[in-house]
Every structure is written in structure tokens, then in C-alpha cells.
Amino acid sequence: MSYSTPSQVVARQLEYFEGKHVLLAGELEDTFATELCEHAASVSIFTTNLAYANQMSRYSQLDVQFGDTYQKAPNVDMVLLYWPKAKAEAEFLLSMLMAALGKDTEIVVVGENRSGVRSIEKMFAPYGKVTKFDTARRCSFYWGQCINEPTPFVLDAWFKSYPLSLGQDTITIRSLPGVFSHGELDAGSQLLLDTLPALKGTVLDFGCGAGVIGTAIKLRYPDTHITMVDISALAVTSAKETLRFNNLDGEVFASDVYSAVTSTFDSIISNPPFHAGLKTHYAATETFLEKATSFLSKQGQLMIVANSFLRYPPFIEAAFGHCDTPAKNNKFAIYHAIKNR
């Protein structure tokens, strides 16, 4: 079994986990938790990623929890935190987990040095002290313990807001750490919003992040029925909050590509994800494009924005028989296709 580099470093330090009730959280991307079961008293997982939750739920020896907020399980006395790509998300997870598990909880933090894992030394200071015990494969391994009483965790306090102007109107985007477009609108989504045709009927915002695109469409075209999906529980919660904050209605739920989607749509609109951790990852978006016609009504349309270097047109052409490029700049391209077969 091939493990991620951080997991390979953890595997060098298995004595830390002997007899412990370990909770894994953060940037999880392999099945190392199953090996840890051979050394720890118990192993559980908290993840905000539905695909990972579904993958690891197949292992009966693991207790897997998916959601936006960790619900304390009995006996957990150690956290193994895989450092996430966003520092704000690391701070968010640390606050959540320490508040739930409390004083005396041990913590192991592992991550690639280029991801900023060294920040854990300062970040953990309000709880106690962490010390680096290993460095290998350009990763660092820290151990520490919460010796101070953590402050209560309040999810609402972690939302960041920013205004988005849409012609004469303005909406407020609300997002949690680790969610795409957290705290500011990305240039790709702006180009997509500037290029959108008039929309009607049912619209799917795939990979919705904080709900920027779906919320903007609902404001512009109030008669549309908006559905938003994302693999991230934090994104789903953010998109729901963005709709609520702007007094707009829509359906938002977690889905691994189309795993939870049961309807067809007149339009599928997306700024699809292509990053996984620090690595570039395309598989989910390729599946999304290849299967799009199955979730479109007759004459339904697909419109996405993507970095210009991403080779998505061949996948769209294979599925739809054609691919148009209605807008493009030096960084992003808009791709459009209509289901006609």
C-alpha cells in the first residue's frame, strides 16, 4: 500500500500511538488509519471530505465522522492532525478539536514543510507546547499536549464575509476556512459570472464552494431553481449560510461528484475544483464532465470556467460532441456545450 509522504513519516514514529485512542483529522488522503489500528487502542476519523469519508467507512475497525463540526466520541485522548493546505483551516480545526476533547489531550501534527506546518508551534501556544521530533522527506512531525483549558468553539464565529456587486445589486458571501473563495472572489468565478447567459428552469452549481455562483444566479434570475453541491461539508455549510444571509432559497447538499444527485437540470454551471492538497488533481472534474449529459435535460447546457492550461475541452467534446469557448483571458477560459443527442 502506498501512503502519502506525511503518513510515511508518521509510520516512523508508531510508538507515540501505542495504546492510545487516536482521532485523525485534517488533510487525509490515504488508508494509513487502518495500519494505525494495529498499534493504537482505537482509531477514529473526522473529515469534512465526503469522498474520503465514504472510502474509509468501508473499514469496520474505523469510526468515521463526516461533517462541518466534530462531535466528541468517547475515549479519544490523542489527535493526529494532518496539516491542511490553508493555515486558516488548520487554526479552525485545532480550535474545534481542542474545544471538543479538552485539557490533557495529546496531539501529533504532521505535514509537508512547504505547506507551512512550522506554524503549528505558534498556533498551538494558547493550548500548550508542541515540539518537533522528526523531519524526513521534507515533512515535519510534532508532538504536544493541551495543558490549558480551551475556549469554547462557536462555528458562527469562523465565518468570513465579503460583498459581491452584481450590477445594481450586492450580495454577501459567507465562508468558512478551507472553502474555495474564502474571504474573496476568485478571478475565474468573476469571469464566469460576467459570461453567464440568461438562465431559467433548474440549475446545478457543481463544486459550489461558498455558494458564489449559485447565489448570484438566484439573485439575477429569481425564477430559477438552484441546487448546489460540493464534496466538502464546510462548503455546503458556507453555501447554505450565503443563501440564508441573502434571503434567497436553494437546495444545498454534499455529493461526491454526482453520487447524491438524483435530478436532471436545464443548466450545469461550475468553477470545478482541480486541487487536492498541495497536488494538482483532475479526476473528479473529468468524471463530472464525462457524465454531465446524464444529468442534463434535453437541450440542457454546461458552462464551466477553468485555468487555460487545463485540458478540459477534449472531455467536453467526447461527452457533448462539441465545445465552445465564449470567453477567454490570459489565465482562464469559459467552456460551453449544449446537449443535443
Protein backbone atom coordinates (compact mmCIF):
# COMPACT_ATOMS: atom_id res chain seq x y z
CA MET A 1 0.00 0.00 0.00
CA SER A 2 1.36 3.39 -1.00
CA TYR A 3 0.97 6.07 1.66
CA SER A 4 1.27 9.84 1.44
CA THR A 5 4.58 11.37 2.45
CA PRO A 6 3.20 12.65 5.80
CA SER A 7 1.89 9.15 6.58
CA GLN A 8 5.28 7.67 5.77
CA VAL A 9 6.79 9.99 8.38
CA VAL A 10 4.13 9.03 10.94
CA ALA A 11 4.94 5.37 10.27
CA ARG A 12 8.47 6.06 11.59
CA GLN A 13 7.01 7.08 14.97
CA LEU A 14 4.41 4.43 15.76
CA GLU A 15 5.45 4.21 19.41
CA TYR A 16 3.64 7.51 20.05
CA PHE A 17 0.31 5.79 19.32
CA GLU A 18 0.68 2.57 21.31
CA GLY A 19 -2.41 2.08 23.46
CA LYS A 20 -3.90 5.46 22.52
CA HIS A 21 -7.40 6.27 21.31
CA VAL A 22 -6.43 8.27 18.23
CA LEU A 23 -8.54 10.68 16.18
CA LEU A 24 -7.27 11.51 12.67
CA ALA A 25 -8.24 14.82 11.10
CA GLY A 26 -7.04 17.33 8.51
CA GLU A 27 -5.65 16.67 5.01
CA LEU A 28 -6.35 12.94 4.94
CA GLU A 29 -5.77 11.15 1.65
CA ASP A 30 -4.74 7.54 2.21
CA THR A 31 -5.65 4.44 4.21
CA PHE A 32 -2.86 4.69 6.80
CA ALA A 33 -5.52 4.78 9.53
CA THR A 34 -6.06 1.05 9.01
CA GLU A 35 -2.40 0.31 9.76
CA LEU A 36 -2.57 2.55 12.82
CA CYS A 37 -5.30 0.24 14.17
CA GLU A 38 -2.61 -2.39 14.74
CA HIS A 39 -0.85 -0.12 17.24
CA ALA A 40 -3.48 2.16 18.80
CA ALA A 41 -6.24 1.11 21.18
CA SER A 42 -8.76 2.61 18.76
CA VAL A 43 -8.74 4.81 15.67
CA SER A 44 -11.42 7.23 14.56
CA ILE A 45 -11.59 9.78 11.76
CA PHE A 46 -13.13 13.22 11.44
CA THR A 47 -13.25 14.51 7.90
CA THR A 48 -15.03 17.29 6.05
CA ASN A 49 -14.47 15.45 2.73
CA LEU A 50 -17.32 13.18 1.67
CA ALA A 51 -15.23 11.08 -0.74
CA TYR A 52 -12.71 10.28 1.99
CA ALA A 53 -15.49 9.54 4.48
CA ASN A 54 -17.10 7.11 2.05
CA GLN A 55 -13.76 5.46 1.28
CA MET A 56 -12.84 4.89 4.93
CA SER A 57 -16.33 3.88 6.06
CA ARG A 58 -15.69 0.55 4.30
CA TYR A 59 -13.30 -0.43 7.12
CA SER A 60 -15.28 -1.79 10.07
CA GLN A 61 -12.46 -1.15 12.56
CA LEU A 62 -12.68 2.61 11.99
CA ASP A 63 -15.22 5.05 13.38
CA VAL A 64 -15.67 7.66 10.65
CA GLN A 65 -17.39 11.00 11.22
CA PHE A 66 -18.23 13.37 8.34
CA GLY A 67 -19.49 16.90 8.90
CA ASP A 68 -18.67 20.54 9.47
CA THR A 69 -18.22 20.18 13.24
CA TYR A 70 -16.62 17.36 15.23
CA GLN A 71 -18.96 15.62 17.64
CA LYS A 72 -16.89 14.27 20.51
CA ALA A 73 -16.60 10.49 20.63
CA PRO A 74 -15.78 8.65 23.88
CA ASN A 75 -12.22 7.78 24.90
CA VAL A 76 -10.31 9.90 22.36
CA ASP A 77 -7.09 11.02 24.04
CA MET A 78 -4.87 11.86 21.06
CA VAL A 79 -5.31 13.81 17.82
CA LEU A 80 -3.25 13.08 14.73
CA LEU A 81 -3.64 16.22 12.64
CA TYR A 82 -2.53 16.16 9.01
CA TRP A 83 -1.71 19.78 8.27
CA PRO A 84 -4.20 21.20 5.73
CA LYS A 85 -3.22 23.38 2.77
CA ALA A 86 -4.79 26.53 4.29
CA LYS A 87 -3.37 27.90 7.54
CA ALA A 88 -6.80 29.29 8.45
CA GLU A 89 -8.27 25.80 8.17
CA ALA A 90 -5.56 24.42 10.47
CA GLU A 91 -6.43 27.04 13.07
CA PHE A 92 -10.14 26.26 12.64
CA LEU A 93 -9.63 22.51 13.10
CA LEU A 94 -7.31 22.99 16.05
CA SER A 95 -9.82 25.21 17.84
CA MET A 96 -12.66 22.78 17.14
CA LEU A 97 -10.82 19.63 18.20
CA MET A 98 -9.20 21.01 21.32
CA ALA A 99 -12.52 22.50 22.49
CA ALA A 100 -14.24 19.15 21.98
CA LEU A 101 -11.54 16.95 23.54
CA GLY A 102 -10.29 19.30 26.24
CA LYS A 103 -7.33 19.60 28.52
CA ASP A 104 -4.71 16.79 28.63
CA THR A 105 -5.38 15.74 25.03
CA GLU A 106 -2.18 14.81 23.24
CA ILE A 107 -1.63 15.99 19.68
CA VAL A 108 0.59 14.86 16.83
CA VAL A 109 0.88 17.19 13.84
CA VAL A 110 2.48 16.14 10.57
CA GLY A 111 2.77 17.95 7.27
CA GLU A 112 4.96 18.93 4.37
CA ASN A 113 7.31 21.79 5.21
CA ARG A 114 6.22 23.78 2.17
CA SER A 115 2.63 23.69 3.46
CA GLY A 116 3.56 25.88 6.43
CA VAL A 117 3.40 23.17 9.08
CA ARG A 118 6.01 25.04 11.12
CA SER A 119 3.22 27.48 12.03
CA ILE A 120 1.89 24.89 14.49
CA GLU A 121 4.47 25.94 17.10
CA LYS A 122 2.98 29.43 17.39
CA MET A 123 -0.60 28.35 16.65
CA PHE A 124 -0.66 25.80 19.46
CA ALA A 125 0.70 28.22 22.07
CA PRO A 126 -2.73 29.04 23.60
CA TYR A 127 -3.23 25.33 24.33
CA GLY A 128 0.26 24.25 25.33
CA LYS A 129 3.53 23.45 23.62
CA VAL A 130 4.41 21.29 20.64
CA THR A 131 7.91 20.07 19.86
CA LYS A 132 9.33 18.78 16.61
CA PHE A 133 10.56 15.21 16.98
CA ASP A 134 11.22 14.16 13.42
CA THR A 135 11.98 15.59 10.00
CA ALA A 136 12.08 13.40 6.91
CA ARG A 137 11.03 13.50 3.26
CA ARG A 138 10.56 17.28 3.58
CA CYS A 139 7.95 16.74 6.28
CA SER A 140 7.92 17.55 9.97
CA PHE A 141 6.44 15.57 12.88
CA TYR A 142 5.39 17.35 16.09
CA TRP A 143 4.08 16.10 19.41
CA GLY A 144 2.45 18.16 22.14
CA GLN A 145 -0.27 18.24 24.75
CA CYS A 146 -3.13 20.59 25.61
CA ILE A 147 -2.35 21.82 29.13
CA ASN A 148 -4.69 24.85 29.19
CA GLU A 149 -8.48 24.82 29.20
CA PRO A 150 -9.54 25.54 25.59
CA THR A 151 -12.10 28.23 24.84
CA PRO A 152 -15.48 27.01 23.57
CA PHE A 153 -15.79 26.51 19.82
CA VAL A 154 -18.54 28.50 18.09
CA LEU A 155 -18.93 27.73 14.39
CA ASP A 156 -20.63 31.04 13.56
CA ALA A 157 -17.57 32.96 14.76
CA TRP A 158 -15.48 31.43 11.96
CA PHE A 159 -17.48 32.74 9.00
CA LYS A 160 -15.79 35.43 6.93
CA SER A 161 -17.97 37.82 4.92
CA TYR A 162 -17.36 39.94 1.84
CA PRO A 163 -19.65 41.85 -0.54
CA LEU A 164 -20.11 40.93 -4.19
CA SER A 165 -21.55 43.51 -6.58
CA LEU A 166 -23.87 42.21 -9.29
CA GLY A 167 -24.92 45.17 -11.39
CA GLN A 168 -27.20 47.30 -9.25
CA ASP A 169 -27.35 44.67 -6.51
CA THR A 170 -24.93 43.41 -3.89
CA ILE A 171 -24.86 40.08 -2.13
CA THR A 172 -22.80 38.98 0.85
CA ILE A 173 -20.70 35.84 0.58
CA ARG A 174 -20.19 33.88 3.80
CA SER A 175 -17.49 31.24 4.01
CA LEU A 176 -15.65 29.05 6.48
CA PRO A 177 -11.88 28.44 6.41
CA GLY A 178 -10.72 25.94 3.81
CA VAL A 179 -13.59 26.73 1.45
CA PHE A 180 -12.89 27.90 -2.10
CA SER A 181 -13.31 31.68 -2.46
CA HIS A 182 -12.88 32.10 1.32
CA GLY A 183 -12.84 35.81 2.06
CA GLU A 184 -12.59 36.99 -1.56
CA LEU A 185 -13.92 36.28 -5.03
CA ASP A 186 -11.52 34.44 -7.33
CA ALA A 187 -10.91 35.79 -10.82
CA GLY A 188 -12.20 32.65 -12.53
CA SER A 189 -15.61 32.85 -10.88
CA GLN A 190 -15.78 36.54 -11.78
CA LEU A 191 -15.19 35.74 -15.45
CA LEU A 192 -17.86 33.04 -15.31
CA LEU A 193 -20.39 35.43 -13.76
CA ASP A 194 -19.56 38.03 -16.41
CA THR A 195 -20.14 35.48 -19.20
CA LEU A 196 -23.29 33.71 -18.00
CA PRO A 197 -26.20 33.62 -20.43
CA ALA A 198 -29.78 34.22 -19.31
CA LEU A 199 -30.82 31.19 -17.27
CA LYS A 200 -34.16 29.60 -16.49
CA GLY A 201 -35.51 26.38 -15.08
CA THR A 202 -33.31 24.15 -12.95
CA VAL A 203 -29.64 24.98 -12.40
CA LEU A 204 -26.91 22.90 -10.76
CA ASP A 205 -23.88 24.70 -9.29
CA PHE A 206 -21.32 21.89 -9.10
CA GLY A 207 -18.42 22.33 -6.66
CA CYS A 208 -20.23 25.30 -5.19
CA GLY A 209 -17.68 26.34 -2.56
CA ALA A 210 -19.18 29.22 -0.60
CA GLY A 211 -22.13 29.38 -3.00
CA VAL A 212 -20.97 32.39 -5.02
CA ILE A 213 -22.21 31.23 -8.43
CA GLY A 214 -25.49 29.67 -7.33
CA THR A 215 -26.40 32.64 -5.14
CA ALA A 216 -25.56 35.12 -7.90
CA ILE A 217 -27.72 33.18 -10.37
CA LYS A 218 -30.65 33.08 -7.93
CA LEU A 219 -30.44 36.84 -7.41
CA ARG A 220 -30.26 37.58 -11.16
CA TYR A 221 -32.87 35.01 -12.15
CA PRO A 222 -35.20 34.55 -9.17
CA ASP A 223 -37.45 32.10 -11.01
CA THR A 224 -34.67 29.53 -11.36
CA HIS A 225 -34.49 26.58 -9.01
CA ILE A 226 -30.92 26.41 -7.69
CA THR A 227 -29.20 23.24 -6.50
CA MET A 228 -25.63 23.44 -5.16
CA VAL A 229 -23.36 20.51 -4.37
CA ASP A 230 -19.84 20.14 -3.04
CA ILE A 231 -17.69 17.35 -1.65
CA SER A 232 -16.81 19.49 1.39
CA ALA A 233 -19.07 19.76 4.44
CA LEU A 234 -17.56 23.19 5.13
CA ALA A 235 -18.52 24.33 1.62
CA VAL A 236 -22.07 23.01 2.00
CA THR A 237 -22.48 24.86 5.29
CA SER A 238 -20.99 28.02 3.76
CA ALA A 239 -23.28 27.92 0.71
CA LYS A 240 -26.33 27.39 2.91
CA GLU A 241 -25.27 30.33 5.05
CA THR A 242 -24.69 32.53 1.98
CA LEU A 243 -28.21 31.80 0.74
CA ARG A 244 -29.72 32.37 4.19
CA PHE A 245 -27.83 35.61 4.75
CA ASN A 246 -29.12 37.00 1.44
CA ASN A 247 -32.70 35.79 1.98
CA LEU A 248 -32.55 33.51 -1.05
CA ASP A 249 -33.66 29.91 -1.38
CA GLY A 250 -31.94 26.91 -2.88
CA GLU A 251 -31.03 23.31 -2.22
CA VAL A 252 -27.51 22.54 -0.97
CA PHE A 253 -26.05 19.14 -0.12
CA ALA A 254 -22.83 17.14 -0.08
CA SER A 255 -22.07 14.96 -3.09
CA ASP A 256 -19.01 13.14 -4.38
CA VAL A 257 -19.33 14.31 -7.99
CA TYR A 258 -22.87 13.08 -8.80
CA SER A 259 -23.13 10.48 -6.01
CA ALA A 260 -26.06 12.22 -4.28
CA VAL A 261 -27.57 13.90 -7.36
CA THR A 262 -30.84 12.32 -8.49
CA SER A 263 -32.32 15.01 -10.76
CA THR A 264 -31.63 16.38 -14.22
CA PHE A 265 -31.06 20.07 -14.87
CA ASP A 266 -31.55 22.63 -17.59
CA SER A 267 -28.11 24.07 -16.85
CA ILE A 268 -24.99 22.89 -15.06
CA ILE A 269 -22.69 25.77 -14.13
CA SER A 270 -19.35 25.28 -12.43
CA ASN A 271 -15.95 26.53 -11.46
CA PRO A 272 -14.79 22.95 -10.95
CA PRO A 273 -12.07 22.08 -8.46
CA PHE A 274 -8.72 20.76 -9.59
CA HIS A 275 -6.56 21.00 -6.46
CA ALA A 276 -6.25 18.30 -3.83
CA GLY A 277 -3.94 19.35 -1.01
CA LEU A 278 -0.67 20.60 -2.47
CA LYS A 279 -1.01 18.44 -5.56
CA THR A 280 -2.92 19.06 -8.77
CA HIS A 281 -5.79 16.63 -9.15
CA TYR A 282 -8.20 16.35 -12.08
CA ALA A 283 -10.04 13.02 -11.68
CA ALA A 284 -13.23 14.36 -10.07
CA THR A 285 -13.63 17.08 -12.70
CA GLU A 286 -13.01 14.64 -15.54
CA THR A 287 -15.77 12.39 -14.15
CA PHE A 288 -18.01 15.44 -13.74
CA LEU A 289 -17.55 16.38 -17.41
CA GLU A 290 -17.81 12.85 -18.79
CA LYS A 291 -21.13 12.19 -17.04
CA ALA A 292 -22.65 15.68 -17.39
CA THR A 293 -25.05 14.78 -20.21
CA SER A 294 -26.70 12.16 -18.00
CA PHE A 295 -27.74 14.93 -15.61
CA LEU A 296 -28.92 17.43 -18.22
CA SER A 297 -32.39 17.65 -19.68
CA LYS A 298 -32.91 17.74 -23.45
CA GLN A 299 -31.09 20.77 -24.87
CA GLY A 300 -29.54 21.33 -21.43
CA GLN A 301 -26.29 23.28 -21.27
CA LEU A 302 -22.96 23.02 -19.49
CA MET A 303 -20.83 26.07 -18.76
CA ILE A 304 -17.60 25.98 -16.78
CA VAL A 305 -14.59 28.17 -16.12
CA ALA A 306 -11.11 26.67 -15.88
CA ASN A 307 -7.48 27.65 -15.90
CA SER A 308 -6.44 27.87 -19.54
CA PHE A 309 -3.72 25.24 -19.13
CA LEU A 310 -6.22 22.56 -18.08
CA ARG A 311 -7.12 20.24 -20.96
CA TYR A 312 -10.85 20.02 -20.39
CA PRO A 313 -12.20 20.61 -23.97
CA PRO A 314 -11.44 17.03 -25.10
CA PHE A 315 -13.56 15.64 -22.23
CA ILE A 316 -16.41 18.03 -23.05
CA GLU A 317 -16.18 17.20 -26.76
CA ALA A 318 -16.25 13.48 -26.01
CA ALA A 319 -19.42 13.89 -23.94
CA PHE A 320 -21.26 16.52 -25.99
CA GLY A 321 -19.76 16.24 -29.46
CA HIS A 322 -18.59 19.87 -29.36
CA CYS A 323 -17.12 22.53 -27.06
CA ASP A 324 -17.34 26.31 -27.49
CA THR A 325 -15.16 28.94 -25.83
CA PRO A 326 -17.33 32.06 -25.38
CA ALA A 327 -14.74 33.93 -23.30
CA LYS A 328 -11.04 33.71 -22.52
CA ASN A 329 -8.31 35.79 -20.96
CA ASN A 330 -4.64 35.20 -20.24
CA LYS A 331 -5.43 32.90 -17.32
CA PHE A 332 -8.96 31.49 -17.62
CA ALA A 333 -11.28 30.13 -20.29
CA ILE A 334 -15.05 29.64 -20.36
CA TYR A 335 -16.21 26.41 -21.96
CA HIS A 336 -19.80 25.84 -23.08
CA ALA A 337 -21.70 22.94 -24.62
CA ILE A 338 -25.32 22.00 -25.28
CA LYS A 339 -26.73 18.51 -25.05
CA ASN A 340 -28.07 17.68 -28.49
CA ARG A 341 -28.08 13.93 -28.56
